């Protein structure tokens, strides 16, 4: 799963070397709210899930994203 997320982030022009579990999407990678929406849309498509709008604010770091996705039992 982590590798799939890294591939999506690389599509934003983010080098893999900049991505760790502690990486903060806005502070460390400079992603803004539109980037976050785009990221969530790509994650939904990649994993075949629906992430409610109110959950976006929980997805601030790579670790929080992984934790969120692991909690969704529908993701393979």
C-alpha atoms as a PDB file:
ATOM      1  CA  UNK A   1       0.000   0.000   0.000  1.00  0.00           C
ATOM      2  CA  UNK A   2       2.779   2.433   0.921  1.00  0.00           C
ATOM      3  CA  UNK A   3       4.451   1.880  -2.432  1.00  0.00           C
ATOM      4  CA  UNK A   4       1.208   2.634  -4.266  1.00  0.00           C
ATOM      5  CA  UNK A   5       0.821   5.888  -2.323  1.00  0.00           C
ATOM      6  CA  UNK A   6       4.411   6.856  -3.087  1.00  0.00           C
ATOM      7  CA  UNK A   7       3.745   6.314  -6.796  1.00  0.00           C
ATOM      8  CA  UNK A   8       0.729   8.644  -6.585  1.00  0.00           C
ATOM      9  CA  UNK A   9       2.787  11.298  -4.760  1.00  0.00           C
ATOM     10  CA  UNK A  10       5.492  11.032  -7.415  1.00  0.00           C
ATOM     11  CA  UNK A  11       2.857  12.076  -9.963  1.00  0.00           C
ATOM     12  CA  UNK A  12       2.752  15.403  -8.056  1.00  0.00           C
ATOM     13  CA  UNK A  13       6.461  15.817  -8.820  1.00  0.00           C
ATOM     14  CA  UNK A  14       7.522  14.792  -5.328  1.00  0.00           C
ATOM     15  CA  UNK A  15      10.761  12.800  -5.236  1.00  0.00           C
ATOM     16  CA  UNK A  16      10.547   9.477  -3.434  1.00  0.00           C
ATOM     17  CA  UNK A  17      13.498  10.504  -1.253  1.00  0.00           C
ATOM     18  CA  UNK A  18      11.331  13.277   0.251  1.00  0.00           C
ATOM     19  CA  UNK A  19       8.665  10.838   1.440  1.00  0.00           C
ATOM     20  CA  UNK A  20       8.915   9.241   4.890  1.00  0.00           C
ATOM     21  CA  UNK A  21       6.234   8.196   7.343  1.00  0.00           C
ATOM     22  CA  UNK A  22       6.714  11.515   9.159  1.00  0.00           C
ATOM     23  CA  UNK A  23       6.392  13.591   5.979  1.00  0.00           C
ATOM     24  CA  UNK A  24       3.734  16.282   6.420  1.00  0.00           C
ATOM     25  CA  UNK A  25       1.953  16.875   3.115  1.00  0.00           C
ATOM     26  CA  UNK A  26       1.548  20.638   3.382  1.00  0.00           C
ATOM     27  CA  UNK A  27       4.461  21.652   5.605  1.00  0.00           C
ATOM     28  CA  UNK A  28       7.126  19.353   4.120  1.00  0.00           C
ATOM     29  CA  UNK A  29       5.867  18.874   0.566  1.00  0.00           C
ATOM     30  CA  UNK A  30       4.119  22.198  -0.010  1.00  0.00           C
ATOM     31  CA  UNK A  31       0.799  20.614  -0.949  1.00  0.00           C
ATOM     32  CA  UNK A  32      -2.181  22.978  -0.721  1.00  0.00           C
ATOM     33  CA  UNK A  33      -5.880  22.221  -0.283  1.00  0.00           C
ATOM     34  CA  UNK A  34      -6.394  21.637  -4.016  1.00  0.00           C
ATOM     35  CA  UNK A  35      -3.499  19.177  -4.035  1.00  0.00           C
ATOM     36  CA  UNK A  36      -5.111  17.397  -1.091  1.00  0.00           C
ATOM     37  CA  UNK A  37      -8.400  17.060  -2.946  1.00  0.00           C
ATOM     38  CA  UNK A  38      -6.549  15.728  -5.998  1.00  0.00           C
ATOM     39  CA  UNK A  39      -4.586  13.286  -3.820  1.00  0.00           C
ATOM     40  CA  UNK A  40      -7.761  12.013  -2.151  1.00  0.00           C
ATOM     41  CA  UNK A  41      -9.456  11.568  -5.532  1.00  0.00           C
ATOM     42  CA  UNK A  42      -6.498   9.545  -6.780  1.00  0.00           C
ATOM     43  CA  UNK A  43      -6.457   7.443  -3.600  1.00  0.00           C
ATOM     44  CA  UNK A  44     -10.180   6.758  -3.967  1.00  0.00           C
ATOM     45  CA  UNK A  45      -9.649   5.619  -7.531  1.00  0.00           C
ATOM     46  CA  UNK A  46      -6.541   3.559  -6.736  1.00  0.00           C
ATOM     47  CA  UNK A  47      -8.040   1.742  -3.756  1.00  0.00           C
ATOM     48  CA  UNK A  48     -11.707   1.703  -4.818  1.00  0.00           C
ATOM     49  CA  UNK A  49     -12.861   3.518  -1.687  1.00  0.00           C
ATOM     50  CA  UNK A  50     -14.722   6.672  -0.698  1.00  0.00           C
ATOM     51  CA  UNK A  51     -13.069   9.104   1.707  1.00  0.00           C
ATOM     52  CA  UNK A  52     -15.622  11.486   3.252  1.00  0.00           C
ATOM     53  CA  UNK A  53     -14.821  15.211   3.020  1.00  0.00           C
ATOM     54  CA  UNK A  54     -14.726  15.511   6.803  1.00  0.00           C
ATOM     55  CA  UNK A  55     -11.846  12.982   6.925  1.00  0.00           C
ATOM     56  CA  UNK A  56      -9.527  15.060   4.716  1.00  0.00           C
ATOM     57  CA  UNK A  57      -8.225  16.984   7.740  1.00  0.00           C
ATOM     58  CA  UNK A  58      -7.060  13.687   9.295  1.00  0.00           C
ATOM     59  CA  UNK A  59      -4.783  12.954   6.346  1.00  0.00           C
ATOM     60  CA  UNK A  60      -1.889  15.291   7.066  1.00  0.00           C
ATOM     61  CA  UNK A  61       1.114  12.948   7.088  1.00  0.00           C
ATOM     62  CA  UNK A  62       2.133   9.769   5.337  1.00  0.00           C
ATOM     63  CA  UNK A  63       1.684   7.908   8.651  1.00  0.00           C
ATOM     64  CA  UNK A  64      -1.817   9.295   9.254  1.00  0.00           C
ATOM     65  CA  UNK A  65      -2.763   8.357   5.697  1.00  0.00           C
ATOM     66  CA  UNK A  66      -1.431   4.815   6.099  1.00  0.00           C
ATOM     67  CA  UNK A  67      -3.213   4.432   9.442  1.00  0.00           C
ATOM     68  CA  UNK A  68      -6.464   5.704   7.917  1.00  0.00           C
ATOM     69  CA  UNK A  69      -6.237   3.377   4.938  1.00  0.00           C
ATOM     70  CA  UNK A  70      -5.261   0.348   7.052  1.00  0.00           C
ATOM     71  CA  UNK A  71      -8.343   0.944   9.199  1.00  0.00           C
ATOM     72  CA  UNK A  72     -10.539   0.606   6.087  1.00  0.00           C
ATOM     73  CA  UNK A  73     -11.062  -3.143   5.857  1.00  0.00           C
ATOM     74  CA  UNK A  74     -12.266  -2.900   2.242  1.00  0.00           C
ATOM     75  CA  UNK A  75      -8.782  -2.049   0.952  1.00  0.00           C
ATOM     76  CA  UNK A  76      -6.765  -4.942  -0.384  1.00  0.00           C
END
